[in-house]
N, C-alpha and C. Protein backbone atom coordinates (compact mmCIF):
# COMPACT_ATOMS: atom_id res chain seq x y z
N TYR A 1 -50.90 23.57 7.61
CA TYR A 1 -51.53 22.29 7.34
C TYR A 1 -52.31 21.81 8.56
N VAL A 2 -51.73 21.90 9.72
CA VAL A 2 -52.38 21.41 10.93
C VAL A 2 -53.66 22.19 11.22
N ALA A 3 -53.60 23.50 11.09
CA ALA A 3 -54.79 24.33 11.33
C ALA A 3 -55.90 23.95 10.36
N GLU A 4 -55.56 23.73 9.11
CA GLU A 4 -56.56 23.33 8.11
C GLU A 4 -57.15 21.96 8.45
N TYR A 5 -56.29 21.03 8.82
CA TYR A 5 -56.75 19.69 9.20
C TYR A 5 -57.72 19.77 10.37
N LEU A 6 -57.39 20.55 11.38
CA LEU A 6 -58.25 20.67 12.55
C LEU A 6 -59.59 21.32 12.20
N GLN A 7 -59.60 22.23 11.24
CA GLN A 7 -60.83 22.88 10.83
C GLN A 7 -61.75 21.94 10.06
N ARG A 8 -61.19 21.08 9.24
CA ARG A 8 -62.03 20.25 8.39
C ARG A 8 -62.31 18.86 8.96
N THR A 9 -61.65 18.48 10.02
CA THR A 9 -61.82 17.15 10.60
C THR A 9 -62.72 17.23 11.83
N PRO A 10 -63.78 16.41 11.86
CA PRO A 10 -64.67 16.43 13.03
C PRO A 10 -63.93 16.04 14.31
N VAL A 11 -64.32 16.66 15.41
CA VAL A 11 -63.70 16.40 16.71
C VAL A 11 -63.77 14.92 17.07
N ASP A 12 -64.90 14.27 16.78
CA ASP A 12 -65.05 12.85 17.12
C ASP A 12 -64.08 11.96 16.35
N GLU A 13 -63.56 12.46 15.24
CA GLU A 13 -62.56 11.69 14.50
C GLU A 13 -61.18 11.89 15.11
N ILE A 14 -60.90 13.10 15.57
CA ILE A 14 -59.60 13.40 16.17
C ILE A 14 -59.52 12.84 17.58
N ASP A 15 -60.57 13.02 18.35
CA ASP A 15 -60.61 12.57 19.75
C ASP A 15 -61.94 11.86 20.02
N PRO A 16 -62.06 10.62 19.52
CA PRO A 16 -63.34 9.90 19.68
C PRO A 16 -63.57 9.51 21.14
N PRO A 17 -64.83 9.29 21.52
CA PRO A 17 -65.10 8.83 22.87
C PRO A 17 -64.41 7.48 23.11
N PRO A 18 -63.93 7.23 24.31
CA PRO A 18 -63.29 5.94 24.59
C PRO A 18 -64.24 4.78 24.34
N LEU A 19 -63.69 3.69 23.83
CA LEU A 19 -64.49 2.48 23.58
C LEU A 19 -64.81 1.75 24.88
N VAL A 20 -63.93 1.85 25.85
CA VAL A 20 -64.13 1.17 27.14
C VAL A 20 -63.83 2.15 28.27
N THR A 21 -64.41 1.85 29.43
CA THR A 21 -64.25 2.72 30.59
C THR A 21 -63.88 1.89 31.82
N GLY A 22 -63.67 2.58 32.91
CA GLY A 22 -63.40 1.89 34.17
C GLY A 22 -64.54 0.98 34.58
N ALA A 23 -65.76 1.36 34.26
CA ALA A 23 -66.92 0.51 34.58
C ALA A 23 -66.79 -0.84 33.89
N ASP A 24 -66.26 -0.85 32.68
CA ASP A 24 -66.06 -2.12 31.96
C ASP A 24 -65.04 -2.99 32.68
N LEU A 25 -63.96 -2.37 33.16
CA LEU A 25 -62.94 -3.14 33.89
C LEU A 25 -63.51 -3.71 35.18
N ILE A 26 -64.31 -2.92 35.87
CA ILE A 26 -64.93 -3.41 37.11
C ILE A 26 -65.82 -4.59 36.80
N GLN A 27 -66.57 -4.50 35.71
CA GLN A 27 -67.44 -5.60 35.31
C GLN A 27 -66.63 -6.86 34.96
N LEU A 28 -65.40 -6.66 34.52
CA LEU A 28 -64.52 -7.79 34.21
C LEU A 28 -63.78 -8.31 35.45
N GLY A 29 -64.10 -7.74 36.63
CA GLY A 29 -63.54 -8.25 37.87
C GLY A 29 -62.33 -7.49 38.40
N MET A 30 -61.98 -6.40 37.76
CA MET A 30 -60.82 -5.62 38.21
C MET A 30 -61.22 -4.64 39.30
N ARG A 31 -60.24 -4.27 40.10
CA ARG A 31 -60.42 -3.22 41.10
C ARG A 31 -59.55 -2.03 40.71
N PRO A 32 -60.05 -0.81 40.95
CA PRO A 32 -59.24 0.36 40.61
C PRO A 32 -57.86 0.31 41.26
N GLY A 33 -56.87 0.73 40.52
CA GLY A 33 -55.49 0.75 40.99
C GLY A 33 -54.56 1.00 39.83
N PRO A 34 -53.27 0.84 40.04
CA PRO A 34 -52.29 1.12 38.97
C PRO A 34 -52.52 0.29 37.71
N LYS A 35 -52.80 -1.00 37.84
CA LYS A 35 -53.03 -1.87 36.66
C LYS A 35 -54.30 -1.44 35.92
N PHE A 36 -55.29 -1.02 36.68
CA PHE A 36 -56.56 -0.54 36.15
C PHE A 36 -56.29 0.64 35.20
N LYS A 37 -55.55 1.61 35.71
CA LYS A 37 -55.22 2.79 34.91
C LYS A 37 -54.39 2.41 33.69
N GLU A 38 -53.44 1.51 33.90
CA GLU A 38 -52.57 1.07 32.81
C GLU A 38 -53.39 0.43 31.68
N LEU A 39 -54.36 -0.41 32.03
CA LEU A 39 -55.19 -1.07 31.03
C LEU A 39 -56.04 -0.06 30.26
N LEU A 40 -56.61 0.92 30.97
CA LEU A 40 -57.41 1.94 30.30
C LEU A 40 -56.56 2.77 29.34
N GLU A 41 -55.36 3.11 29.75
CA GLU A 41 -54.46 3.87 28.88
C GLU A 41 -54.03 3.04 27.67
N ARG A 42 -53.78 1.78 27.90
CA ARG A 42 -53.38 0.89 26.82
C ARG A 42 -54.51 0.74 25.79
N ALA A 43 -55.73 0.60 26.29
CA ALA A 43 -56.89 0.48 25.40
C ALA A 43 -57.10 1.78 24.62
N ARG A 44 -56.96 2.90 25.28
CA ARG A 44 -57.14 4.20 24.61
C ARG A 44 -56.08 4.41 23.53
N ASP A 45 -54.84 4.08 23.85
CA ASP A 45 -53.77 4.20 22.86
C ASP A 45 -54.06 3.32 21.64
N ALA A 46 -54.47 2.08 21.89
CA ALA A 46 -54.77 1.16 20.79
C ALA A 46 -55.94 1.69 19.95
N GLN A 47 -56.92 2.28 20.61
CA GLN A 47 -58.05 2.88 19.88
C GLN A 47 -57.58 4.02 18.98
N LEU A 48 -56.80 4.93 19.53
CA LEU A 48 -56.36 6.08 18.76
C LEU A 48 -55.41 5.69 17.64
N GLU A 49 -54.71 4.57 17.80
CA GLU A 49 -53.81 4.08 16.75
C GLU A 49 -54.57 3.29 15.69
N GLY A 50 -55.85 3.01 15.94
CA GLY A 50 -56.66 2.28 14.97
C GLY A 50 -56.67 0.78 15.17
N ALA A 51 -55.99 0.27 16.19
CA ALA A 51 -55.94 -1.17 16.43
C ALA A 51 -57.25 -1.69 17.02
N LEU A 52 -57.95 -0.84 17.77
CA LEU A 52 -59.26 -1.19 18.33
C LEU A 52 -60.28 -0.23 17.73
N GLN A 53 -61.23 -0.79 16.98
CA GLN A 53 -62.16 0.08 16.27
C GLN A 53 -63.60 -0.03 16.75
N ASP A 54 -63.88 -1.01 17.61
CA ASP A 54 -65.25 -1.11 18.13
C ASP A 54 -65.21 -1.65 19.56
N ARG A 55 -66.30 -1.45 20.26
CA ARG A 55 -66.39 -1.79 21.67
C ARG A 55 -66.18 -3.28 21.93
N GLU A 56 -66.79 -4.13 21.12
CA GLU A 56 -66.68 -5.58 21.32
C GLU A 56 -65.23 -6.04 21.23
N THR A 57 -64.52 -5.55 20.24
CA THR A 57 -63.11 -5.90 20.07
C THR A 57 -62.30 -5.39 21.25
N ALA A 58 -62.61 -4.18 21.70
CA ALA A 58 -61.89 -3.60 22.83
C ALA A 58 -62.12 -4.41 24.10
N LEU A 59 -63.34 -4.86 24.32
CA LEU A 59 -63.62 -5.67 25.51
C LEU A 59 -62.89 -7.02 25.45
N ARG A 60 -62.87 -7.64 24.29
CA ARG A 60 -62.14 -8.91 24.14
C ARG A 60 -60.65 -8.70 24.40
N GLN A 61 -60.12 -7.60 23.89
CA GLN A 61 -58.70 -7.31 24.09
C GLN A 61 -58.41 -7.08 25.57
N LEU A 62 -59.28 -6.36 26.27
CA LEU A 62 -59.11 -6.16 27.71
C LEU A 62 -59.07 -7.50 28.44
N GLU A 63 -59.98 -8.39 28.09
CA GLU A 63 -60.02 -9.72 28.72
C GLU A 63 -58.70 -10.45 28.50
N GLU A 64 -58.15 -10.36 27.29
CA GLU A 64 -56.87 -11.02 27.00
C GLU A 64 -55.75 -10.40 27.82
N TRP A 65 -55.71 -9.08 27.90
CA TRP A 65 -54.67 -8.41 28.68
C TRP A 65 -54.78 -8.78 30.17
N ILE A 66 -56.00 -8.83 30.68
CA ILE A 66 -56.21 -9.19 32.07
C ILE A 66 -55.75 -10.63 32.33
N ALA A 67 -56.11 -11.53 31.45
CA ALA A 67 -55.72 -12.94 31.58
C ALA A 67 -54.19 -13.06 31.54
N GLY A 68 -53.55 -12.28 30.71
CA GLY A 68 -52.10 -12.31 30.59
C GLY A 68 -51.40 -11.79 31.84
N GLN A 69 -52.05 -10.94 32.60
CA GLN A 69 -51.45 -10.38 33.81
C GLN A 69 -51.56 -11.34 34.98
N SER A 70 -52.55 -12.22 34.95
CA SER A 70 -52.77 -13.09 36.11
C SER A 70 -51.85 -14.30 36.12
N GLY A 71 -51.11 -14.52 35.04
CA GLY A 71 -50.27 -15.70 34.98
C GLY A 71 -48.85 -15.49 35.16
């Protein structure tokens, strides 16, 4: 089943390009470091789980996560 799924499913569906990158975090005022990596991994996980489906939503979610960390 898995081999068949991999053959018929486009790579971009299985492993789509990330919606956000480190450059986006820098633009939001973050500096590279452990929290930086954590946010990128969290965003990627949410994307692959289907919770984040477009760039605008992903950027808003990053802003919320960043705001939640500063308090």
